[in-house]
Structures are given as structure tokens and as C-alpha cells.
Amino acid sequence: MDREELKRLVKDVLEEENSFGYTPIQERWSGGKLMLVPRDEGLAAKEVPLEAFFHKIVMVRDRLRVLEQKVNAHAGLSDAEKIDLQQYVTKCYGSLTTFNVLFKEKSDQFEGEKK
């Protein structure tokens, strides 16, 4: 593999990983932490930096978007099958709306099924 081919490969990977751009966390949560406290007081709590948790939520959102695009573009699926799979993706978005409070921009938030 020559230098130019390696540069192209790295560029492709970086573009794929960042295809949806940077998503900022709401300022009030920046530097915060998520505490997972077990019911049993004898067990240790787990502390997770909110930025790390938020990054994982954003990655789930971005991967759902890619899945949605692949379903819609799939030539082997009928329109009915695409609609059925799309409804599952929409329900996943709806399940994740709890985390919208972490997003700085409303346009980055999850949107579930509209009634």
C-alpha cells in the first residue's frame, strides 16, 4: 500500500465516522457525570462522564440513520417491507427521546412517531 492509497483509506474512514458532523452537548451537562447506583447498598456505584455517554447516544442515532438509508435504498425489499422496517426505526427513535435533554441543538434531537 503506497502513501496516497493509505491517505485515501484514512480519509474514507474518517468521513464515514463523522458523516453526520459534530453534535454538541447542552452546556449545563458539560463536565457532568451519570451515576448508576444499584439498589443493594453493598454494591459499588458506577460513574460515567456525561460526554462519554452522550457520544454513545449520538453514535446510536447516527447508526440508526445509516440503517434507515440502507433500508430505503435496498433494491431487494418491497415498498411494504421498507415501510415495516422504517416503522421499527421510528420506534427506536421514539424510545431514545428521553435523551433529548442532552442535545444542545433541537435539530439534533430524536423524533419518534408523530401522532
PDB file of N, CA and C in Angstrom:
ATOM      1  N   MET A   1       0.855  -1.172   0.000  1.00  0.00           N
ATOM      2  CA  MET A   1       0.000   0.000   0.000  1.00  0.00           C
ATOM      3  C   MET A   1       0.905   1.241   0.000  1.00  0.00           C
ATOM      4  N   ASP A   2       0.724   2.109  -0.960  1.00  0.00           N
ATOM      5  CA  ASP A   2       1.541   3.315  -1.015  1.00  0.00           C
ATOM      6  C   ASP A   2       0.922   4.427  -0.160  1.00  0.00           C
ATOM      7  N   ARG A   3       1.640   5.518  -0.027  1.00  0.00           N
ATOM      8  CA  ARG A   3       1.234   6.636   0.829  1.00  0.00           C
ATOM      9  C   ARG A   3      -0.112   7.235   0.410  1.00  0.00           C
ATOM     10  N   GLU A   4      -0.319   7.428  -0.863  1.00  0.00           N
ATOM     11  CA  GLU A   4      -1.563   8.032  -1.354  1.00  0.00           C
ATOM     12  C   GLU A   4      -2.770   7.126  -1.089  1.00  0.00           C
ATOM     13  N   GLU A   5      -2.572   5.835  -1.273  1.00  0.00           N
ATOM     14  CA  GLU A   5      -3.661   4.888  -1.009  1.00  0.00           C
ATOM     15  C   GLU A   5      -4.007   4.874   0.482  1.00  0.00           C
ATOM     16  N   LEU A   6      -2.991   4.934   1.338  1.00  0.00           N
ATOM     17  CA  LEU A   6      -3.217   4.976   2.780  1.00  0.00           C
ATOM     18  C   LEU A   6      -3.958   6.253   3.177  1.00  0.00           C
ATOM     19  N   LYS A   7      -3.550   7.383   2.602  1.00  0.00           N
ATOM     20  CA  LYS A   7      -4.222   8.655   2.894  1.00  0.00           C
ATOM     21  C   LYS A   7      -5.698   8.602   2.485  1.00  0.00           C
ATOM     22  N   ARG A   8      -5.970   8.025   1.319  1.00  0.00           N
ATOM     23  CA  ARG A   8      -7.350   7.906   0.847  1.00  0.00           C
ATOM     24  C   ARG A   8      -8.168   7.028   1.783  1.00  0.00           C
ATOM     25  N   LEU A   9      -7.578   5.917   2.220  1.00  0.00           N
ATOM     26  CA  LEU A   9      -8.256   4.996   3.116  1.00  0.00           C
ATOM     27  C   LEU A   9      -8.573   5.662   4.465  1.00  0.00           C
ATOM     28  N   VAL A  10      -7.595   6.360   5.026  1.00  0.00           N
ATOM     29  CA  VAL A  10      -7.813   7.060   6.298  1.00  0.00           C
ATOM     30  C   VAL A  10      -8.884   8.129   6.136  1.00  0.00           C
ATOM     31  N   LYS A  11      -8.836   8.864   5.048  1.00  0.00           N
ATOM     32  CA  LYS A  11      -9.838   9.900   4.782  1.00  0.00           C
ATOM     33  C   LYS A  11     -11.237   9.292   4.679  1.00  0.00           C
ATOM     34  N   ASP A  12     -11.372   8.165   3.985  1.00  0.00           N
ATOM     35  CA  ASP A  12     -12.662   7.491   3.854  1.00  0.00           C
ATOM     36  C   ASP A  12     -13.213   7.066   5.210  1.00  0.00           C
ATOM     37  N   VAL A  13     -12.348   6.498   6.050  1.00  0.00           N
ATOM     38  CA  VAL A  13     -12.779   6.051   7.376  1.00  0.00           C
ATOM     39  C   VAL A  13     -13.215   7.243   8.219  1.00  0.00           C
ATOM     40  N   LEU A  14     -12.441   8.312   8.204  1.00  0.00           N
ATOM     41  CA  LEU A  14     -12.797   9.496   8.987  1.00  0.00           C
ATOM     42  C   LEU A  14     -14.102  10.119   8.505  1.00  0.00           C
ATOM     43  N   GLU A  15     -14.293  10.171   7.215  1.00  0.00           N
ATOM     44  CA  GLU A  15     -15.542  10.719   6.678  1.00  0.00           C
ATOM     45  C   GLU A  15     -16.730   9.849   7.055  1.00  0.00           C
ATOM     46  N   GLU A  16     -16.547   8.536   7.026  1.00  0.00           N
ATOM     47  CA  GLU A  16     -17.635   7.621   7.397  1.00  0.00           C
ATOM     48  C   GLU A  16     -17.990   7.783   8.871  1.00  0.00           C
ATOM     49  N   GLU A  17     -16.992   7.882   9.730  1.00  0.00           N
ATOM     50  CA  GLU A  17     -17.240   8.013  11.163  1.00  0.00           C
ATOM     51  C   GLU A  17     -17.859   9.361  11.512  1.00  0.00           C
ATOM     52  N   ASN A  18     -17.561  10.377  10.751  1.00  0.00           N
ATOM     53  CA  ASN A  18     -18.062  11.721  11.054  1.00  0.00           C
ATOM     54  C   ASN A  18     -19.059  12.208  10.014  1.00  0.00           C
ATOM     55  N   SER A  19     -19.751  11.297   9.379  1.00  0.00           N
ATOM     56  CA  SER A  19     -20.627  11.663   8.270  1.00  0.00           C
ATOM     57  C   SER A  19     -21.767  12.586   8.682  1.00  0.00           C
ATOM     58  N   PHE A  20     -22.084  12.630   9.950  1.00  0.00           N
ATOM     59  CA  PHE A  20     -23.179  13.485  10.387  1.00  0.00           C
ATOM     60  C   PHE A  20     -22.680  14.725  11.116  1.00  0.00           C
ATOM     61  N   GLY A  21     -21.381  14.914  11.173  1.00  0.00           N
ATOM     62  CA  GLY A  21     -20.819  16.112  11.768  1.00  0.00           C
ATOM     63  C   GLY A  21     -20.773  16.061  13.286  1.00  0.00           C
ATOM     64  N   TYR A  22     -20.308  17.157  13.856  1.00  0.00           N
ATOM     65  CA  TYR A  22     -20.157  17.275  15.297  1.00  0.00           C
ATOM     66  C   TYR A  22     -21.503  17.604  15.923  1.00  0.00           C
ATOM     67  N   THR A  23     -21.832  16.935  17.012  1.00  0.00           N
ATOM     68  CA  THR A  23     -23.073  17.181  17.731  1.00  0.00           C
ATOM     69  C   THR A  23     -22.722  17.656  19.133  1.00  0.00           C
ATOM     70  N   PRO A  24     -23.004  18.917  19.452  1.00  0.00           N
ATOM     71  CA  PRO A  24     -22.632  19.442  20.774  1.00  0.00           C
ATOM     72  C   PRO A  24     -23.608  19.022  21.874  1.00  0.00           C
ATOM     73  N   ILE A  25     -23.053  18.841  23.068  1.00  0.00           N
ATOM     74  CA  ILE A  25     -23.857  18.540  24.250  1.00  0.00           C
ATOM     75  C   ILE A  25     -24.349  19.861  24.849  1.00  0.00           C
ATOM     76  N   GLN A  26     -25.515  19.838  25.458  1.00  0.00           N
ATOM     77  CA  GLN A  26     -26.069  21.010  26.148  1.00  0.00           C
ATOM     78  C   GLN A  26     -25.059  21.469  27.211  1.00  0.00           C
ATOM     79  N   GLU A  27     -24.781  22.772  27.275  1.00  0.00           N
ATOM     80  CA  GLU A  27     -23.740  23.296  28.164  1.00  0.00           C
ATOM     81  C   GLU A  27     -23.925  22.872  29.620  1.00  0.00           C
ATOM     82  N   ARG A  28     -25.157  22.837  30.101  1.00  0.00           N
ATOM     83  CA  ARG A  28     -25.369  22.530  31.521  1.00  0.00           C
ATOM     84  C   ARG A  28     -24.948  21.110  31.882  1.00  0.00           C
ATOM     85  N   TRP A  29     -24.812  20.223  30.881  1.00  0.00           N
ATOM     86  CA  TRP A  29     -24.399  18.856  31.143  1.00  0.00           C
ATOM     87  C   TRP A  29     -22.897  18.658  30.930  1.00  0.00           C
ATOM     88  N   SER A  30     -22.236  19.612  30.289  1.00  0.00           N
ATOM     89  CA  SER A  30     -20.808  19.504  30.004  1.00  0.00           C
ATOM     90  C   SER A  30     -20.027  19.373  31.314  1.00  0.00           C
ATOM     91  N   GLY A  31     -19.182  18.356  31.396  1.00  0.00           N
ATOM     92  CA  GLY A  31     -18.400  18.110  32.603  1.00  0.00           C
ATOM     93  C   GLY A  31     -19.159  17.321  33.661  1.00  0.00           C
ATOM     94  N   GLY A  32     -20.420  17.004  33.379  1.00  0.00           N
ATOM     95  CA  GLY A  32     -21.228  16.264  34.342  1.00  0.00           C
ATOM     96  C   GLY A  32     -20.941  14.773  34.297  1.00  0.00           C
ATOM     97  N   LYS A  33     -21.622  14.050  35.159  1.00  0.00           N
ATOM     98  CA  LYS A  33     -21.436  12.607  35.191  1.00  0.00           C
ATOM     99  C   LYS A  33     -22.769  11.903  35.409  1.00  0.00           C
ATOM    100  N   LEU A  34     -22.843  10.708  34.907  1.00  0.00           N
ATOM    101  CA  LEU A  34     -24.005   9.849  35.062  1.00  0.00           C
ATOM    102  C   LEU A  34     -23.668   8.859  36.166  1.00  0.00           C
ATOM    103  N   MET A  35     -24.529   8.789  37.168  1.00  0.00           N
ATOM    104  CA  MET A  35     -24.313   7.871  38.286  1.00  0.00           C
ATOM    105  C   MET A  35     -25.316   6.726  38.197  1.00  0.00           C
ATOM    106  N   LEU A  36     -24.809   5.517  38.176  1.00  0.00           N
ATOM    107  CA  LEU A  36     -25.646   4.326  38.207  1.00  0.00           C
ATOM    108  C   LEU A  36     -25.482   3.721  39.593  1.00  0.00           C
ATOM    109  N   VAL A  37     -26.552   3.797  40.378  1.00  0.00           N
ATOM    110  CA  VAL A  37     -26.500   3.365  41.768  1.00  0.00           C
ATOM    111  C   VAL A  37     -27.374   2.117  41.924  1.00  0.00           C
ATOM    112  N   PRO A  38     -26.751   0.990  42.302  1.00  0.00           N
ATOM    113  CA  PRO A  38     -27.537  -0.232  42.470  1.00  0.00           C
ATOM    114  C   PRO A  38     -28.438  -0.153  43.705  1.00  0.00           C
ATOM    115  N   ARG A  39     -29.504  -0.902  43.676  1.00  0.00           N
ATOM    116  CA  ARG A  39     -30.432  -0.936  44.808  1.00  0.00           C
ATOM    117  C   ARG A  39     -29.726  -1.451  46.062  1.00  0.00           C
ATOM    118  N   ASP A  40     -28.872  -2.456  45.889  1.00  0.00           N
ATOM    119  CA  ASP A  40     -28.126  -3.041  47.010  1.00  0.00           C
ATOM    120  C   ASP A  40     -27.007  -2.081  47.413  1.00  0.00           C
ATOM    121  N   GLU A  41     -27.111  -1.535  48.614  1.00  0.00           N
ATOM    122  CA  GLU A  41     -26.126  -0.544  49.075  1.00  0.00           C
ATOM    123  C   GLU A  41     -24.728  -1.131  49.247  1.00  0.00           C
ATOM    124  N   GLY A  42     -24.620  -2.445  49.286  1.00  0.00           N
ATOM    125  CA  GLY A  42     -23.319  -3.086  49.409  1.00  0.00           C
ATOM    126  C   GLY A  42     -22.548  -3.142  48.103  1.00  0.00           C
ATOM    127  N   LEU A  43     -23.210  -2.829  47.007  1.00  0.00           N
ATOM    128  CA  LEU A  43     -22.556  -2.843  45.701  1.00  0.00           C
ATOM    129  C   LEU A  43     -22.093  -1.439  45.323  1.00  0.00           C
ATOM    130  N   ALA A  44     -21.017  -1.379  44.580  1.00  0.00           N
ATOM    131  CA  ALA A  44     -20.450  -0.094  44.177  1.00  0.00           C
ATOM    132  C   ALA A  44     -21.271   0.567  43.074  1.00  0.00           C
ATOM    133  N   ALA A  45     -21.336   1.886  43.144  1.00  0.00           N
ATOM    134  CA  ALA A  45     -21.983   2.664  42.082  1.00  0.00           C
ATOM    135  C   ALA A  45     -21.024   2.772  40.903  1.00  0.00           C
ATOM    136  N   LYS A  46     -21.583   3.061  39.756  1.00  0.00           N
ATOM    137  CA  LYS A  46     -20.784   3.246  38.527  1.00  0.00           C
ATOM    138  C   LYS A  46     -20.939   4.695  38.101  1.00  0.00           C
ATOM    139  N   GLU A  47     -19.826   5.353  37.850  1.00  0.00           N
ATOM    140  CA  GLU A  47     -19.828   6.750  37.425  1.00  0.00           C
ATOM    141  C   GLU A  47     -19.319   6.828  35.993  1.00  0.00           C
ATOM    142  N   VAL A  48     -20.092   7.506  35.123  1.00  0.00           N
ATOM    143  CA  VAL A  48     -19.734   7.625  33.713  1.00  0.00           C
ATOM    144  C   VAL A  48     -19.744   9.108  33.341  1.00  0.00           C
ATOM    145  N   PRO A  49     -18.663   9.611  32.741  1.00  0.00           N
ATOM    146  CA  PRO A  49     -18.693  11.006  32.282  1.00  0.00           C
ATOM    147  C   PRO A  49     -19.827  11.201  31.269  1.00  0.00           C
ATOM    148  N   LEU A  50     -20.593  12.276  31.426  1.00  0.00           N
ATOM    149  CA  LEU A  50     -21.731  12.508  30.539  1.00  0.00           C
ATOM    150  C   LEU A  50     -21.312  12.665  29.088  1.00  0.00           C
ATOM    151  N   GLU A  51     -20.140  13.246  28.843  1.00  0.00           N
ATOM    152  CA  GLU A  51     -19.684  13.378  27.462  1.00  0.00           C
ATOM    153  C   GLU A  51     -19.503  12.012  26.805  1.00  0.00           C
ATOM    154  N   ALA A  52     -18.992  11.033  27.550  1.00  0.00           N
ATOM    155  CA  ALA A  52     -18.806   9.688  27.011  1.00  0.00           C
ATOM    156  C   ALA A  52     -20.164   9.032  26.743  1.00  0.00           C
ATOM    157  N   PHE A  53     -21.099   9.180  27.673  1.00  0.00           N
ATOM    158  CA  PHE A  53     -22.439   8.634  27.496  1.00  0.00           C
ATOM    159  C   PHE A  53     -23.130   9.301  26.310  1.00  0.00           C
ATOM    160  N   PHE A  54     -23.017  10.621  26.225  1.00  0.00           N
ATOM    161  CA  PHE A  54     -23.626  11.376  25.135  1.00  0.00           C
ATOM    162  C   PHE A  54     -23.056  10.933  23.792  1.00  0.00           C
ATOM    163  N   HIS A  55     -21.749  10.717  23.732  1.00  0.00           N
ATOM    164  CA  HIS A  55     -21.117  10.264  22.488  1.00  0.00           C
ATOM    165  C   HIS A  55     -21.728   8.934  22.037  1.00  0.00           C
ATOM    166  N   LYS A  56     -21.975   8.034  22.974  1.00  0.00           N
ATOM    167  CA  LYS A  56     -22.575   6.743  22.632  1.00  0.00           C
ATOM    168  C   LYS A  56     -24.007   6.914  22.119  1.00  0.00           C
ATOM    169  N   ILE A  57     -24.754   7.828  22.716  1.00  0.00           N
ATOM    170  CA  ILE A  57     -26.121   8.111  22.261  1.00  0.00           C
ATOM    171  C   ILE A  57     -26.089   8.667  20.833  1.00  0.00           C
ATOM    172  N   VAL A  58     -25.165   9.576  20.572  1.00  0.00           N
ATOM    173  CA  VAL A  58     -25.036  10.166  19.231  1.00  0.00           C
ATOM    174  C   VAL A  58     -24.649   9.089  18.211  1.00  0.00           C
ATOM    175  N   MET A  59     -23.772   8.168  18.596  1.00  0.00           N
ATOM    176  CA  MET A  59     -23.369   7.098  17.686  1.00  0.00           C
ATOM    177  C   MET A  59     -24.553   6.175  17.381  1.00  0.00           C
ATOM    178  N   VAL A  60     -25.384   5.896  18.367  1.00  0.00           N
ATOM    179  CA  VAL A  60     -26.591   5.089  18.123  1.00  0.00           C
ATOM    180  C   VAL A  60     -27.489   5.816  17.135  1.00  0.00           C
ATOM    181  N   ARG A  61     -27.675   7.117  17.356  1.00  0.00           N
ATOM    182  CA  ARG A  61     -28.519   7.911  16.443  1.00  0.00           C
ATOM    183  C   ARG A  61     -27.973   7.883  15.022  1.00  0.00           C
ATOM    184  N   ASP A  62     -26.689   8.074  14.887  1.00  0.00           N
ATOM    185  CA  ASP A  62     -26.090   8.105  13.557  1.00  0.00           C
ATOM    186  C   ASP A  62     -26.180   6.743  12.864  1.00  0.00           C
ATOM    187  N   ARG A  63     -26.018   5.679  13.622  1.00  0.00           N
ATOM    188  CA  ARG A  63     -26.115   4.342  13.030  1.00  0.00           C
ATOM    189  C   ARG A  63     -27.553   4.005  12.658  1.00  0.00           C
ATOM    190  N   LEU A  64     -28.504   4.505  13.426  1.00  0.00           N
ATOM    191  CA  LEU A  64     -29.911   4.333  13.039  1.00  0.00           C
ATOM    192  C   LEU A  64     -30.200   5.067  11.731  1.00  0.00           C
ATOM    193  N   ARG A  65     -29.602   6.238  11.566  1.00  0.00           N
ATOM    194  CA  ARG A  65     -29.789   6.997  10.322  1.00  0.00           C
ATOM    195  C   ARG A  65     -29.228   6.236   9.131  1.00  0.00           C
ATOM    196  N   VAL A  66     -28.052   5.637   9.315  1.00  0.00           N
ATOM    197  CA  VAL A  66     -27.444   4.850   8.236  1.00  0.00           C
ATOM    198  C   VAL A  66     -28.322   3.642   7.924  1.00  0.00           C
ATOM    199  N   LEU A  67     -28.809   2.968   8.948  1.00  0.00           N
ATOM    200  CA  LEU A  67     -29.703   1.830   8.749  1.00  0.00           C
ATOM    201  C   LEU A  67     -30.941   2.254   7.973  1.00  0.00           C
ATOM    202  N   GLU A  68     -31.494   3.395   8.345  1.00  0.00           N
ATOM    203  CA  GLU A  68     -32.677   3.935   7.660  1.00  0.00           C
ATOM    204  C   GLU A  68     -32.392   4.172   6.178  1.00  0.00           C
ATOM    205  N   GLN A  69     -31.240   4.745   5.876  1.00  0.00           N
ATOM    206  CA  GLN A  69     -30.857   4.999   4.489  1.00  0.00           C
ATOM    207  C   GLN A  69     -30.681   3.700   3.721  1.00  0.00           C
ATOM    208  N   LYS A  70     -30.066   2.705   4.363  1.00  0.00           N
ATOM    209  CA  LYS A  70     -29.843   1.428   3.687  1.00  0.00           C
ATOM    210  C   LYS A  70     -31.153   0.707   3.424  1.00  0.00           C
ATOM    211  N   VAL A  71     -32.079   0.772   4.365  1.00  0.00           N
ATOM    212  CA  VAL A  71     -33.399   0.155   4.161  1.00  0.00           C
ATOM    213  C   VAL A  71     -34.094   0.827   2.992  1.00  0.00           C
ATOM    214  N   ASN A  72     -34.109   2.152   2.983  1.00  0.00           N
ATOM    215  CA  ASN A  72     -34.805   2.889   1.927  1.00  0.00           C
ATOM    216  C   ASN A  72     -34.186   2.669   0.546  1.00  0.00           C
ATOM    217  N   ALA A  73     -32.886   2.398   0.500  1.00  0.00           N
ATOM    218  CA  ALA A  73     -32.207   2.231  -0.784  1.00  0.00           C
ATOM    219  C   ALA A  73     -32.113   0.761  -1.219  1.00  0.00           C
ATOM    220  N   HIS A  74     -32.531  -0.148  -0.371  1.00  0.00           N
ATOM    221  CA  HIS A  74     -32.368  -1.576  -0.669  1.00  0.00           C
ATOM    222  C   HIS A  74     -33.277  -1.996  -1.827  1.00  0.00           C
ATOM    223  N   ALA A  75     -32.670  -2.549  -2.860  1.00  0.00           N
ATOM    224  CA  ALA A  75     -33.420  -2.932  -4.063  1.00  0.00           C
ATOM    225  C   ALA A  75     -34.223  -4.215  -3.870  1.00  0.00           C
ATOM    226  N   GLY A  76     -33.822  -5.049  -2.928  1.00  0.00           N
ATOM    227  CA  GLY A  76     -34.481  -6.329  -2.742  1.00  0.00           C
ATOM    228  C   GLY A  76     -35.711  -6.295  -1.851  1.00  0.00           C
ATOM    229  N   LEU A  77     -35.991  -5.147  -1.257  1.00  0.00           N
ATOM    230  CA  LEU A  77     -37.153  -5.028  -0.372  1.00  0.00           C
ATOM    231  C   LEU A  77     -38.322  -4.395  -1.104  1.00  0.00           C
ATOM    232  N   SER A  78     -39.497  -4.911  -0.837  1.00  0.00           N
ATOM    233  CA  SER A  78     -40.698  -4.288  -1.406  1.00  0.00           C
ATOM    234  C   SER A  78     -40.990  -2.999  -0.635  1.00  0.00           C
ATOM    235  N   ASP A  79     -41.848  -2.168  -1.196  1.00  0.00           N
ATOM    236  CA  ASP A  79     -42.222  -0.935  -0.508  1.00  0.00           C
ATOM    237  C   ASP A  79     -42.862  -1.243   0.841  1.00  0.00           C
ATOM    238  N   ALA A  80     -43.680  -2.277   0.905  1.00  0.00           N
ATOM    239  CA  ALA A  80     -44.333  -2.662   2.171  1.00  0.00           C
ATOM    240  C   ALA A  80     -43.295  -3.080   3.212  1.00  0.00           C
ATOM    241  N   GLU A  81     -42.282  -3.831   2.782  1.00  0.00           N
ATOM    242  CA  GLU A  81     -41.225  -4.251   3.707  1.00  0.00           C
ATOM    243  C   GLU A  81     -40.418  -3.053   4.192  1.00  0.00           C
ATOM    244  N   LYS A  82     -40.141  -2.117   3.278  1.00  0.00           N
ATOM    245  CA  LYS A  82     -39.411  -0.907   3.669  1.00  0.00           C
ATOM    246  C   LYS A  82     -40.200  -0.114   4.700  1.00  0.00           C
ATOM    247  N   ILE A  83     -41.492   0.020   4.492  1.00  0.00           N
ATOM    248  CA  ILE A  83     -42.345   0.754   5.438  1.00  0.00           C
ATOM    249  C   ILE A  83     -42.353   0.053   6.785  1.00  0.00           C
ATOM    250  N   ASP A  84     -42.458  -1.274   6.776  1.00  0.00           N
ATOM    251  CA  ASP A  84     -42.468  -2.042   8.018  1.00  0.00           C
ATOM    252  C   ASP A  84     -41.165  -1.833   8.795  1.00  0.00           C
ATOM    253  N   LEU A  85     -40.029  -1.937   8.114  1.00  0.00           N
ATOM    254  CA  LEU A  85     -38.735  -1.738   8.770  1.00  0.00           C
ATOM    255  C   LEU A  85     -38.560  -0.293   9.220  1.00  0.00           C
ATOM    256  N   GLN A  86     -39.043   0.649   8.417  1.00  0.00           N
ATOM    257  CA  GLN A  86     -38.959   2.071   8.770  1.00  0.00           C
ATOM    258  C   GLN A  86     -39.725   2.348  10.067  1.00  0.00           C
ATOM    259  N   GLN A  87     -40.844   1.668  10.261  1.00  0.00           N
ATOM    260  CA  GLN A  87     -41.630   1.863  11.495  1.00  0.00           C
ATOM    261  C   GLN A  87     -40.834   1.418  12.722  1.00  0.00           C
ATOM    262  N   TYR A  88     -40.051   0.345  12.590  1.00  0.00           N
ATOM    263  CA  TYR A  88     -39.204  -0.089  13.700  1.00  0.00           C
ATOM    264  C   TYR A  88     -38.137   0.956  14.014  1.00  0.00           C
ATOM    265  N   VAL A  89     -37.531   1.520  12.984  1.00  0.00           N
ATOM    266  CA  VAL A  89     -36.514   2.552  13.183  1.00  0.00           C
ATOM    267  C   VAL A  89     -37.139   3.757  13.876  1.00  0.00           C
ATOM    268  N   THR A  90     -38.320   4.162  13.446  1.00  0.00           N
ATOM    269  CA  THR A  90     -39.015   5.297  14.056  1.00  0.00           C
ATOM    270  C   THR A  90     -39.317   5.016  15.529  1.00  0.00           C
ATOM    271  N   LYS A  91     -39.710   3.796  15.835  1.00  0.00           N
ATOM    272  CA  LYS A  91     -39.972   3.433  17.230  1.00  0.00           C
ATOM    273  C   LYS A  91     -38.692   3.468  18.059  1.00  0.00           C
ATOM    274  N   CYS A  92     -37.575   3.100  17.458  1.00  0.00           N
ATOM    275  CA  CYS A  92     -36.285   3.211  18.159  1.00  0.00           C
ATOM    276  C   CYS A  92     -35.981   4.666  18.470  1.00  0.00           C
ATOM    277  N   TYR A  93     -36.190   5.549  17.500  1.00  0.00           N
ATOM    278  CA  TYR A  93     -36.004   6.982  17.746  1.00  0.00           C
ATOM    279  C   TYR A  93     -36.887   7.429  18.907  1.00  0.00           C
ATOM    280  N   GLY A  94     -38.139   6.993  18.896  1.00  0.00           N
ATOM    281  CA  GLY A  94     -39.070   7.369  19.957  1.00  0.00           C
ATOM    282  C   GLY A  94     -38.613   6.894  21.321  1.00  0.00           C
ATOM    283  N   SER A  95     -38.028   5.709  21.381  1.00  0.00           N
ATOM    284  CA  SER A  95     -37.528   5.183  22.650  1.00  0.00           C
ATOM    285  C   SER A  95     -36.352   5.991  23.183  1.00  0.00           C
ATOM    286  N   LEU A  96     -35.667   6.687  22.309  1.00  0.00           N
ATOM    287  CA  LEU A  96     -34.482   7.442  22.702  1.00  0.00           C
ATOM    288  C   LEU A  96     -34.757   8.923  22.973  1.00  0.00           C
ATOM    289  N   THR A  97     -36.010   9.360  22.866  1.00  0.00           N
ATOM    290  CA  THR A  97     -36.320  10.781  23.076  1.00  0.00           C
ATOM    291  C   THR A  97     -36.031  11.245  24.504  1.00  0.00           C
ATOM    292  N   THR A  98     -35.946  10.323  25.444  1.00  0.00           N
ATOM    293  CA  THR A  98     -35.600  10.656  26.824  1.00  0.00           C
ATOM    294  C   THR A  98     -34.267  11.412  26.878  1.00  0.00           C
ATOM    295  N   PHE A  99     -33.381  11.101  25.961  1.00  0.00           N
ATOM    296  CA  PHE A  99     -32.045  11.684  25.980  1.00  0.00           C
ATOM    297  C   PHE A  99     -31.957  13.022  25.248  1.00  0.00           C
ATOM    298  N   ASN A 100     -33.073  13.522  24.735  1.00  0.00           N
ATOM    299  CA  ASN A 100     -33.062  14.794  24.018  1.00  0.00           C
ATOM    300  C   ASN A 100     -32.572  15.945  24.888  1.00  0.00           C
ATOM    301  N   VAL A 101     -32.739  15.842  26.194  1.00  0.00           N
ATOM    302  CA  VAL A 101     -32.305  16.891  27.115  1.00  0.00           C
ATOM    303  C   VAL A 101     -30.789  17.125  27.030  1.00  0.00           C
ATOM    304  N   LEU A 102     -30.050  16.148  26.545  1.00  0.00           N
ATOM    305  CA  LEU A 102     -28.592  16.264  26.453  1.00  0.00           C
ATOM    306  C   LEU A 102     -28.130  17.044  25.221  1.00  0.00           C
ATOM    307  N   PHE A 103     -28.996  17.169  24.215  1.00  0.00           N
ATOM    308  CA  PHE A 103     -28.596  17.800  22.951  1.00  0.00           C
ATOM    309  C   PHE A 103     -28.719  19.318  23.029  1.00  0.00           C
ATOM    310  N   LYS A 104     -27.684  19.999  22.597  1.00  0.00           N
ATOM    311  CA  LYS A 104     -27.700  21.461  22.575  1.00  0.00           C
ATOM    312  C   LYS A 104     -28.667  21.977  21.516  1.00  0.00           C
ATOM    313  N   GLU A 105     -28.612  21.382  20.328  1.00  0.00           N
ATOM    314  CA  GLU A 105     -29.436  21.833  19.211  1.00  0.00           C
ATOM    315  C   GLU A 105     -30.685  20.966  19.076  1.00  0.00           C
ATOM    316  N   LYS A 106     -31.843  21.606  18.993  1.00  0.00           N
ATOM    317  CA  LYS A 106     -33.101  20.872  18.841  1.00  0.00           C
ATOM    318  C   LYS A 106     -33.089  20.026  17.566  1.00  0.00           C
ATOM    319  N   SER A 107     -32.442  20.509  16.527  1.00  0.00           N
ATOM    320  CA  SER A 107     -32.400  19.776  15.259  1.00  0.00           C
ATOM    321  C   SER A 107     -31.637  18.466  15.355  1.00  0.00           C
ATOM    322  N   ASP A 108     -30.815  18.279  16.395  1.00  0.00           N
ATOM    323  CA  ASP A 108     -30.061  17.046  16.590  1.00  0.00           C
ATOM    324  C   ASP A 108     -30.829  16.004  17.394  1.00  0.00           C
ATOM    325  N   GLN A 109     -31.942  16.391  17.975  1.00  0.00           N
ATOM    326  CA  GLN A 109     -32.680  15.522  18.882  1.00  0.00           C
ATOM    327  C   GLN A 109     -33.392  14.384  18.158  1.00  0.00           C
ATOM    328  N   PHE A 110     -33.764  13.365  18.945  1.00  0.00           N
ATOM    329  CA  PHE A 110     -34.536  12.245  18.426  1.00  0.00           C
ATOM    330  C   PHE A 110     -35.982  12.683  18.240  1.00  0.00           C
ATOM    331  N   GLU A 111     -36.606  12.122  17.223  1.00  0.00           N
ATOM    332  CA  GLU A 111     -38.002  12.391  16.970  1.00  0.00           C
ATOM    333  C   GLU A 111     -38.686  11.062  16.704  1.00  0.00           C
ATOM    334  N   GLY A 112     -39.663  10.742  17.529  1.00  0.00           N
ATOM    335  CA  GLY A 112     -40.366   9.478  17.369  1.00  0.00           C
ATOM    336  C   GLY A 112     -41.560   9.611  16.441  1.00  0.00           C
ATOM    337  N   GLU A 113     -42.490   8.705  16.621  1.00  0.00           N
ATOM    338  CA  GLU A 113     -43.688   8.662  15.791  1.00  0.00           C
ATOM    339  C   GLU A 113     -44.562   9.876  16.067  1.00  0.00           C
ATOM    340  N   LYS A 114     -45.018  10.519  15.009  1.00  0.00           N
ATOM    341  CA  LYS A 114     -45.904  11.669  15.146  1.00  0.00           C
ATOM    342  C   LYS A 114     -47.330  11.189  15.157  1.00  0.00           C
ATOM    343  N   LYS A 115     -48.094  11.714  16.085  1.00  0.00           N
ATOM    344  CA  LYS A 115     -49.494  11.281  16.194  1.00  0.00           C
ATOM    345  C   LYS A 115     -50.416  12.331  15.688  1.00  0.00           C
TER     346      LYS A 115
END
